[in-house]
Amino acid sequence: DLAHDMLAVLALGTDGWSRLSRAIEGLEPNTASAH
């Protein structure tokens, strides 16, 4: 589950990270500053 599983995201590799980077380019950041 890429939305919740960090290890699944880290397993994507260079090509997957590039796709992920492109996918978030047009998205507004989360508004909540505190976490």
PDB file of all heavy atoms in Angstrom:
ATOM      1  N   ASP A   1       0.852  -1.185   0.000  1.00  0.00           N
ATOM      2  CA  ASP A   1       0.000   0.000   0.000  1.00  0.00           C
ATOM      3  C   ASP A   1       0.889   1.235   0.000  1.00  0.00           C
ATOM      4  O   ASP A   1       1.381   1.647   1.056  1.00  0.00           O
ATOM      5  CB  ASP A   1      -0.899  -0.047   1.231  1.00  0.00           C
ATOM      6  CG  ASP A   1      -1.861   1.124   1.321  1.00  0.00           C
ATOM      7  OD1 ASP A   1      -1.817   2.011   0.436  1.00  0.00           O
ATOM      8  OD2 ASP A   1      -2.646   1.162   2.284  1.00  0.00           O
ATOM      9  N   LEU A   2       1.093   1.843  -1.163  1.00  0.00           N
ATOM     10  CA  LEU A   2       2.010   2.971  -1.263  1.00  0.00           C
ATOM     11  C   LEU A   2       1.565   4.152  -0.419  1.00  0.00           C
ATOM     12  O   LEU A   2       2.402   4.948   0.029  1.00  0.00           O
ATOM     13  CB  LEU A   2       2.152   3.407  -2.726  1.00  0.00           C
ATOM     14  CG  LEU A   2       2.778   2.388  -3.685  1.00  0.00           C
ATOM     15  CD1 LEU A   2       2.840   2.959  -5.101  1.00  0.00           C
ATOM     16  CD2 LEU A   2       4.163   1.981  -3.228  1.00  0.00           C
ATOM     17  N   ALA A   3       0.289   4.292  -0.188  1.00  0.00           N
ATOM     18  CA  ALA A   3      -0.209   5.433   0.579  1.00  0.00           C
ATOM     19  C   ALA A   3       0.148   5.336   2.056  1.00  0.00           C
ATOM     20  O   ALA A   3       0.220   6.363   2.743  1.00  0.00           O
ATOM     21  CB  ALA A   3      -1.726   5.557   0.424  1.00  0.00           C
ATOM     22  N   HIS A   4       0.401   4.109   2.537  1.00  0.00           N
ATOM     23  CA  HIS A   4       0.601   3.928   3.971  1.00  0.00           C
ATOM     24  C   HIS A   4       1.858   3.134   4.328  1.00  0.00           C
ATOM     25  O   HIS A   4       2.247   3.099   5.495  1.00  0.00           O
ATOM     26  CB  HIS A   4      -0.614   3.215   4.584  1.00  0.00           C
ATOM     27  CG  HIS A   4      -1.913   3.931   4.354  1.00  0.00           C
ATOM     28  ND1 HIS A   4      -2.774   3.591   3.338  1.00  0.00           N
ATOM     29  CD2 HIS A   4      -2.472   4.993   4.981  1.00  0.00           C
ATOM     30  CE1 HIS A   4      -3.830   4.395   3.368  1.00  0.00           C
ATOM     31  NE2 HIS A   4      -3.663   5.252   4.342  1.00  0.00           N
ATOM     32  N   ASP A   5       2.482   2.499   3.370  1.00  0.00           N
ATOM     33  CA  ASP A   5       3.596   1.591   3.631  1.00  0.00           C
ATOM     34  C   ASP A   5       4.887   2.193   3.081  1.00  0.00           C
ATOM     35  O   ASP A   5       5.142   2.162   1.871  1.00  0.00           O
ATOM     36  CB  ASP A   5       3.313   0.240   2.980  1.00  0.00           C
ATOM     37  CG  ASP A   5       4.363  -0.813   3.295  1.00  0.00           C
ATOM     38  OD1 ASP A   5       5.417  -0.463   3.878  1.00  0.00           O
ATOM     39  OD2 ASP A   5       4.143  -1.995   2.946  1.00  0.00           O
ATOM     40  N   MET A   6       5.738   2.714   3.967  1.00  0.00           N
ATOM     41  CA  MET A   6       6.977   3.349   3.533  1.00  0.00           C
ATOM     42  C   MET A   6       7.891   2.367   2.815  1.00  0.00           C
ATOM     43  O   MET A   6       8.550   2.721   1.819  1.00  0.00           O
ATOM     44  CB  MET A   6       7.708   3.949   4.739  1.00  0.00           C
ATOM     45  CG  MET A   6       9.051   4.581   4.400  1.00  0.00           C
ATOM     46  SD  MET A   6       8.922   6.037   3.333  1.00  0.00           S
ATOM     47  CE  MET A   6       8.429   7.271   4.560  1.00  0.00           C
ATOM     48  N   LEU A   7       7.961   1.132   3.286  1.00  0.00           N
ATOM     49  CA  LEU A   7       8.859   0.169   2.655  1.00  0.00           C
ATOM     50  C   LEU A   7       8.420  -0.146   1.230  1.00  0.00           C
ATOM     51  O   LEU A   7       9.259  -0.377   0.348  1.00  0.00           O
ATOM     52  CB  LEU A   7       8.939  -1.114   3.481  1.00  0.00           C
ATOM     53  CG  LEU A   7       9.579  -0.964   4.866  1.00  0.00           C
ATOM     54  CD1 LEU A   7       9.625  -2.309   5.575  1.00  0.00           C
ATOM     55  CD2 LEU A   7      10.974  -0.365   4.765  1.00  0.00           C
ATOM     56  N   ALA A   8       7.106  -0.145   0.974  1.00  0.00           N
ATOM     57  CA  ALA A   8       6.638  -0.348  -0.397  1.00  0.00           C
ATOM     58  C   ALA A   8       7.085   0.802  -1.294  1.00  0.00           C
ATOM     59  O   ALA A   8       7.447   0.590  -2.456  1.00  0.00           O
ATOM     60  CB  ALA A   8       5.113  -0.466  -0.417  1.00  0.00           C
ATOM     61  N   VAL A   9       7.087   2.012  -0.763  1.00  0.00           N
ATOM     62  CA  VAL A   9       7.547   3.166  -1.544  1.00  0.00           C
ATOM     63  C   VAL A   9       9.049   3.068  -1.793  1.00  0.00           C
ATOM     64  O   VAL A   9       9.530   3.319  -2.902  1.00  0.00           O
ATOM     65  CB  VAL A   9       7.195   4.486  -0.830  1.00  0.00           C
ATOM     66  CG1 VAL A   9       7.698   5.685  -1.635  1.00  0.00           C
ATOM     67  CG2 VAL A   9       5.688   4.595  -0.619  1.00  0.00           C
ATOM     68  N   LEU A  10       9.814   2.691  -0.775  1.00  0.00           N
ATOM     69  CA  LEU A  10      11.261   2.580  -0.930  1.00  0.00           C
ATOM     70  C   LEU A  10      11.636   1.462  -1.895  1.00  0.00           C
ATOM     71  O   LEU A  10      12.709   1.493  -2.505  1.00  0.00           O
ATOM     72  CB  LEU A  10      11.913   2.341   0.427  1.00  0.00           C
ATOM     73  CG  LEU A  10      11.847   3.516   1.409  1.00  0.00           C
ATOM     74  CD1 LEU A  10      12.443   3.112   2.756  1.00  0.00           C
ATOM     75  CD2 LEU A  10      12.563   4.742   0.858  1.00  0.00           C
ATOM     76  N   ALA A  11      10.761   0.469  -2.064  1.00  0.00           N
ATOM     77  CA  ALA A  11      11.039  -0.639  -2.972  1.00  0.00           C
ATOM     78  C   ALA A  11      10.779  -0.278  -4.434  1.00  0.00           C
ATOM     79  O   ALA A  11      11.124  -1.062  -5.324  1.00  0.00           O
ATOM     80  CB  ALA A  11      10.202  -1.856  -2.583  1.00  0.00           C
ATOM     81  N   LEU A  12      10.192   0.882  -4.703  1.00  0.00           N
ATOM     82  CA  LEU A  12       9.863   1.255  -6.084  1.00  0.00           C
ATOM     83  C   LEU A  12      11.097   1.364  -6.963  1.00  0.00           C
ATOM     84  O   LEU A  12      11.056   1.078  -8.162  1.00  0.00           O
ATOM     85  CB  LEU A  12       9.114   2.592  -6.101  1.00  0.00           C
ATOM     86  CG  LEU A  12       7.673   2.592  -5.598  1.00  0.00           C
ATOM     87  CD1 LEU A  12       7.147   4.021  -5.532  1.00  0.00           C
ATOM     88  CD2 LEU A  12       6.792   1.730  -6.494  1.00  0.00           C
ATOM     89  N   GLY A  13      12.196   1.825  -6.407  1.00  0.00           N
ATOM     90  CA  GLY A  13      13.397   2.006  -7.206  1.00  0.00           C
ATOM     91  C   GLY A  13      13.384   3.301  -7.987  1.00  0.00           C
ATOM     92  O   GLY A  13      12.401   4.069  -7.958  1.00  0.00           O
ATOM     93  N   THR A  14      14.463   3.539  -8.713  1.00  0.00           N
ATOM     94  CA  THR A  14      14.657   4.833  -9.381  1.00  0.00           C
ATOM     95  C   THR A  14      13.522   5.175 -10.328  1.00  0.00           C
ATOM     96  O   THR A  14      13.021   6.301 -10.328  1.00  0.00           O
ATOM     97  CB  THR A  14      16.006   4.827 -10.135  1.00  0.00           C
ATOM     98  OG1 THR A  14      17.060   4.527  -9.212  1.00  0.00           O
ATOM     99  CG2 THR A  14      16.265   6.189 -10.764  1.00  0.00           C
ATOM    100  N   ASP A  15      13.107   4.221 -11.155  1.00  0.00           N
ATOM    101  CA  ASP A  15      12.029   4.513 -12.114  1.00  0.00           C
ATOM    102  C   ASP A  15      10.728   4.826 -11.391  1.00  0.00           C
ATOM    103  O   ASP A  15       9.999   5.757 -11.763  1.00  0.00           O
ATOM    104  CB  ASP A  15      11.841   3.326 -13.064  1.00  0.00           C
ATOM    105  CG  ASP A  15      13.008   3.153 -14.016  1.00  0.00           C
ATOM    106  OD1 ASP A  15      13.790   4.112 -14.177  1.00  0.00           O
ATOM    107  OD2 ASP A  15      13.141   2.050 -14.594  1.00  0.00           O
ATOM    108  N   GLY A  16      10.421   4.054 -10.367  1.00  0.00           N
ATOM    109  CA  GLY A  16       9.193   4.296  -9.622  1.00  0.00           C
ATOM    110  C   GLY A  16       9.212   5.632  -8.904  1.00  0.00           C
ATOM    111  O   GLY A  16       8.196   6.337  -8.849  1.00  0.00           O
ATOM    112  N   TRP A  17      10.356   5.994  -8.330  1.00  0.00           N
ATOM    113  CA  TRP A  17      10.448   7.295  -7.655  1.00  0.00           C
ATOM    114  C   TRP A  17      10.288   8.444  -8.648  1.00  0.00           C
ATOM    115  O   TRP A  17       9.698   9.471  -8.317  1.00  0.00           O
ATOM    116  CB  TRP A  17      11.778   7.401  -6.914  1.00  0.00           C
ATOM    117  CG  TRP A  17      11.948   6.370  -5.842  1.00  0.00           C
ATOM    118  CD1 TRP A  17      10.970   5.825  -5.051  1.00  0.00           C
ATOM    119  CD2 TRP A  17      13.167   5.716  -5.467  1.00  0.00           C
ATOM    120  NE1 TRP A  17      11.498   4.892  -4.204  1.00  0.00           N
ATOM    121  CE2 TRP A  17      12.849   4.795  -4.424  1.00  0.00           C
ATOM    122  CE3 TRP A  17      14.485   5.813  -5.889  1.00  0.00           C
ATOM    123  CZ2 TRP A  17      13.804   4.003  -3.815  1.00  0.00           C
ATOM    124  CZ3 TRP A  17      15.455   5.017  -5.288  1.00  0.00           C
ATOM    125  CH2 TRP A  17      15.111   4.118  -4.268  1.00  0.00           C
ATOM    126  N   SER A  18      10.800   8.255  -9.850  1.00  0.00           N
ATOM    127  CA  SER A  18      10.626   9.288 -10.888  1.00  0.00           C
ATOM    128  C   SER A  18       9.155   9.443 -11.238  1.00  0.00           C
ATOM    129  O   SER A  18       8.648  10.571 -11.379  1.00  0.00           O
ATOM    130  CB  SER A  18      11.425   8.926 -12.144  1.00  0.00           C
ATOM    131  OG  SER A  18      12.811   8.932 -11.878  1.00  0.00           O
ATOM    132  N   ARG A  19       8.434   8.331 -11.388  1.00  0.00           N
ATOM    133  CA  ARG A  19       6.997   8.412 -11.669  1.00  0.00           C
ATOM    134  C   ARG A  19       6.258   9.069 -10.519  1.00  0.00           C
ATOM    135  O   ARG A  19       5.345   9.874 -10.725  1.00  0.00           O
ATOM    136  CB  ARG A  19       6.440   7.004 -11.928  1.00  0.00           C
ATOM    137  CG  ARG A  19       6.933   6.381 -13.225  1.00  0.00           C
ATOM    138  CD  ARG A  19       6.124   5.138 -13.581  1.00  0.00           C
ATOM    139  NE  ARG A  19       6.316   4.069 -12.613  1.00  0.00           N
ATOM    140  CZ  ARG A  19       7.274   3.145 -12.689  1.00  0.00           C
ATOM    141  NH1 ARG A  19       8.156   3.184 -13.683  1.00  0.00           N
ATOM    142  NH2 ARG A  19       7.352   2.192 -11.785  1.00  0.00           N
ATOM    143  N   LEU A  20       6.653   8.727  -9.307  1.00  0.00           N
ATOM    144  CA  LEU A  20       6.017   9.311  -8.131  1.00  0.00           C
ATOM    145  C   LEU A  20       6.265  10.818  -8.073  1.00  0.00           C
ATOM    146  O   LEU A  20       5.353  11.608  -7.775  1.00  0.00           O
ATOM    147  CB  LEU A  20       6.573   8.636  -6.881  1.00  0.00           C
ATOM    148  CG  LEU A  20       5.813   8.817  -5.575  1.00  0.00           C
ATOM    149  CD1 LEU A  20       4.400   8.268  -5.688  1.00  0.00           C
ATOM    150  CD2 LEU A  20       6.561   8.131  -4.435  1.00  0.00           C
ATOM    151  N   SER A  21       7.475  11.231  -8.378  1.00  0.00           N
ATOM    152  CA  SER A  21       7.812  12.642  -8.371  1.00  0.00           C
ATOM    153  C   SER A  21       6.977  13.418  -9.380  1.00  0.00           C
ATOM    154  O   SER A  21       6.463  14.510  -9.092  1.00  0.00           O
ATOM    155  CB  SER A  21       9.301  12.825  -8.664  1.00  0.00           C
ATOM    156  OG  SER A  21       9.664  14.188  -8.628  1.00  0.00           O
ATOM    157  N   ARG A  22       6.804  12.843 -10.562  1.00  0.00           N
ATOM    158  CA  ARG A  22       5.981  13.510 -11.576  1.00  0.00           C
ATOM    159  C   ARG A  22       4.523  13.576 -11.145  1.00  0.00           C
ATOM    160  O   ARG A  22       3.818  14.552 -11.422  1.00  0.00           O
ATOM    161  CB  ARG A  22       6.113  12.782 -12.916  1.00  0.00           C
ATOM    162  CG  ARG A  22       7.487  12.919 -13.568  1.00  0.00           C
ATOM    163  CD  ARG A  22       7.456  12.448 -15.016  1.00  0.00           C
ATOM    164  NE  ARG A  22       7.151  11.025 -15.138  1.00  0.00           N
ATOM    165  CZ  ARG A  22       8.060  10.055 -15.111  1.00  0.00           C
ATOM    166  NH1 ARG A  22       9.348  10.354 -14.975  1.00  0.00           N
ATOM    167  NH2 ARG A  22       7.708   8.789 -15.245  1.00  0.00           N
ATOM    168  N   ALA A  23       4.066  12.536 -10.446  1.00  0.00           N
ATOM    169  CA  ALA A  23       2.658  12.477 -10.052  1.00  0.00           C
ATOM    170  C   ALA A  23       2.289  13.540  -9.025  1.00  0.00           C
ATOM    171  O   ALA A  23       1.128  13.974  -8.971  1.00  0.00           O
ATOM    172  CB  ALA A  23       2.330  11.088  -9.514  1.00  0.00           C
ATOM    173  N   ILE A  24       3.248  13.962  -8.196  1.00  0.00           N
ATOM    174  CA  ILE A  24       2.915  14.946  -7.162  1.00  0.00           C
ATOM    175  C   ILE A  24       3.206  16.378  -7.592  1.00  0.00           C
ATOM    176  O   ILE A  24       2.877  17.319  -6.863  1.00  0.00           O
ATOM    177  CB  ILE A  24       3.652  14.647  -5.844  1.00  0.00           C
ATOM    178  CG1 ILE A  24       5.174  14.817  -6.002  1.00  0.00           C
ATOM    179  CG2 ILE A  24       3.296  13.262  -5.325  1.00  0.00           C
ATOM    180  CD1 ILE A  24       5.925  14.703  -4.690  1.00  0.00           C
ATOM    181  N   GLU A  25       3.816  16.549  -8.785  1.00  0.00           N
ATOM    182  CA  GLU A  25       4.194  17.896  -9.217  1.00  0.00           C
ATOM    183  C   GLU A  25       3.003  18.843  -9.270  1.00  0.00           C
ATOM    184  O   GLU A  25       3.116  20.006  -8.899  1.00  0.00           O
ATOM    185  CB  GLU A  25       4.872  17.834 -10.590  1.00  0.00           C
ATOM    186  CG  GLU A  25       6.327  17.435 -10.535  1.00  0.00           C
ATOM    187  CD  GLU A  25       6.976  17.431 -11.906  1.00  0.00           C
ATOM    188  OE1 GLU A  25       6.273  17.740 -12.903  1.00  0.00           O
ATOM    189  OE2 GLU A  25       8.179  17.119 -11.992  1.00  0.00           O
ATOM    190  N   GLY A  26       1.866  18.373  -9.741  1.00  0.00           N
ATOM    191  CA  GLY A  26       0.721  19.271  -9.883  1.00  0.00           C
ATOM    192  C   GLY A  26      -0.205  19.302  -8.694  1.00  0.00           C
ATOM    193  O   GLY A  26      -1.267  19.938  -8.762  1.00  0.00           O
ATOM    194  N   LEU A  27       0.162  18.643  -7.604  1.00  0.00           N
ATOM    195  CA  LEU A  27      -0.719  18.577  -6.439  1.00  0.00           C
ATOM    196  C   LEU A  27      -0.354  19.643  -5.411  1.00  0.00           C
ATOM    197  O   LEU A  27       0.824  19.877  -5.137  1.00  0.00           O
ATOM    198  CB  LEU A  27      -0.643  17.194  -5.793  1.00  0.00           C
ATOM    199  CG  LEU A  27      -1.071  16.012  -6.666  1.00  0.00           C
ATOM    200  CD1 LEU A  27      -0.909  14.707  -5.889  1.00  0.00           C
ATOM    201  CD2 LEU A  27      -2.513  16.176  -7.138  1.00  0.00           C
ATOM    202  N   GLU A  28      -1.360  20.250  -4.841  1.00  0.00           N
ATOM    203  CA  GLU A  28      -1.146  21.203  -3.758  1.00  0.00           C
ATOM    204  C   GLU A  28      -0.679  20.456  -2.514  1.00  0.00           C
ATOM    205  O   GLU A  28      -1.120  19.327  -2.252  1.00  0.00           O
ATOM    206  CB  GLU A  28      -2.426  21.976  -3.456  1.00  0.00           C
ATOM    207  CG  GLU A  28      -2.846  22.939  -4.547  1.00  0.00           C
ATOM    208  CD  GLU A  28      -1.844  24.070  -4.703  1.00  0.00           C
ATOM    209  OE1 GLU A  28      -1.330  24.562  -3.673  1.00  0.00           O
ATOM    210  OE2 GLU A  28      -1.560  24.451  -5.860  1.00  0.00           O
ATOM    211  N   PRO A  29       0.200  21.042  -1.744  1.00  0.00           N
ATOM    212  CA  PRO A  29       0.673  20.355  -0.532  1.00  0.00           C
ATOM    213  C   PRO A  29      -0.419  20.255   0.513  1.00  0.00           C
ATOM    214  O   PRO A  29      -1.416  20.988   0.466  1.00  0.00           O
ATOM    215  CB  PRO A  29       1.820  21.244  -0.050  1.00  0.00           C
ATOM    216  CG  PRO A  29       1.503  22.596  -0.594  1.00  0.00           C
ATOM    217  CD  PRO A  29       0.837  22.356  -1.925  1.00  0.00           C
ATOM    218  N   ASN A  30      -0.240  19.354   1.449  1.00  0.00           N
ATOM    219  CA  ASN A  30      -1.170  19.261   2.573  1.00  0.00           C
ATOM    220  C   ASN A  30      -1.182  20.579   3.329  1.00  0.00           C
ATOM    221  O   ASN A  30      -0.137  21.191   3.552  1.00  0.00           O
ATOM    222  CB  ASN A  30      -0.754  18.120   3.505  1.00  0.00           C
ATOM    223  CG  ASN A  30      -1.003  16.762   2.872  1.00  0.00           C
ATOM    224  OD1 ASN A  30      -0.611  16.509   1.744  1.00  0.00           O
ATOM    225  ND2 ASN A  30      -1.654  15.887   3.606  1.00  0.00           N
ATOM    226  N   THR A  31      -2.346  21.009   3.745  1.00  0.00           N
ATOM    227  CA  THR A  31      -2.474  22.317   4.378  1.00  0.00           C
ATOM    228  C   THR A  31      -2.081  22.294   5.839  1.00  0.00           C
ATOM    229  O   THR A  31      -1.612  23.306   6.374  1.00  0.00           O
ATOM    230  CB  THR A  31      -3.907  22.839   4.247  1.00  0.00           C
ATOM    231  OG1 THR A  31      -4.812  21.856   4.791  1.00  0.00           O
ATOM    232  CG2 THR A  31      -4.252  23.061   2.780  1.00  0.00           C
ATOM    233  N   ALA A  32      -2.248  21.166   6.507  1.00  0.00           N
ATOM    234  CA  ALA A  32      -1.932  21.107   7.940  1.00  0.00           C
ATOM    235  C   ALA A  32      -0.423  21.191   8.123  1.00  0.00           C
ATOM    236  O   ALA A  32       0.334  20.399   7.565  1.00  0.00           O
ATOM    237  CB  ALA A  32      -2.469  19.824   8.556  1.00  0.00           C
ATOM    238  N   SER A  33       0.023  22.160   8.899  1.00  0.00           N
ATOM    239  CA  SER A  33       1.463  22.333   9.114  1.00  0.00           C
ATOM    240  C   SER A  33       1.987  21.431  10.221  1.00  0.00           C
ATOM    241  O   SER A  33       3.145  21.042  10.218  1.00  0.00           O
ATOM    242  CB  SER A  33       1.787  23.793   9.460  1.00  0.00           C
ATOM    243  OG  SER A  33       1.058  24.195  10.608  1.00  0.00           O
ATOM    244  N   ALA A  34       1.144  21.100  11.175  1.00  0.00           N
ATOM    245  CA  ALA A  34       1.582  20.281  12.302  1.00  0.00           C
ATOM    246  C   ALA A  34       1.327  18.805  12.009  1.00  0.00           C
ATOM    247  O   ALA A  34       0.361  18.448  11.343  1.00  0.00           O
ATOM    248  CB  ALA A  34       0.853  20.688  13.574  1.00  0.00           C
ATOM    249  N   HIS A  35       2.187  17.949  12.494  1.00  0.00           N
ATOM    250  CA  HIS A  35       1.996  16.522  12.332  1.00  0.00           C
ATOM    251  C   HIS A  35       2.638  15.816  13.523  1.00  0.00           C
ATOM    252  O   HIS A  35       3.554  16.325  14.145  1.00  0.00           O
ATOM    253  CB  HIS A  35       2.603  16.017  11.022  1.00  0.00           C
ATOM    254  CG  HIS A  35       4.072  16.213  10.933  1.00  0.00           C
ATOM    255  ND1 HIS A  35       4.638  17.411  10.581  1.00  0.00           N
ATOM    256  CD2 HIS A  35       5.109  15.360  11.167  1.00  0.00           C
ATOM    257  CE1 HIS A  35       5.958  17.299  10.592  1.00  0.00           C
ATOM    258  NE2 HIS A  35       6.263  16.075  10.944  1.00  0.00           N
TER     259      HIS A  35
END
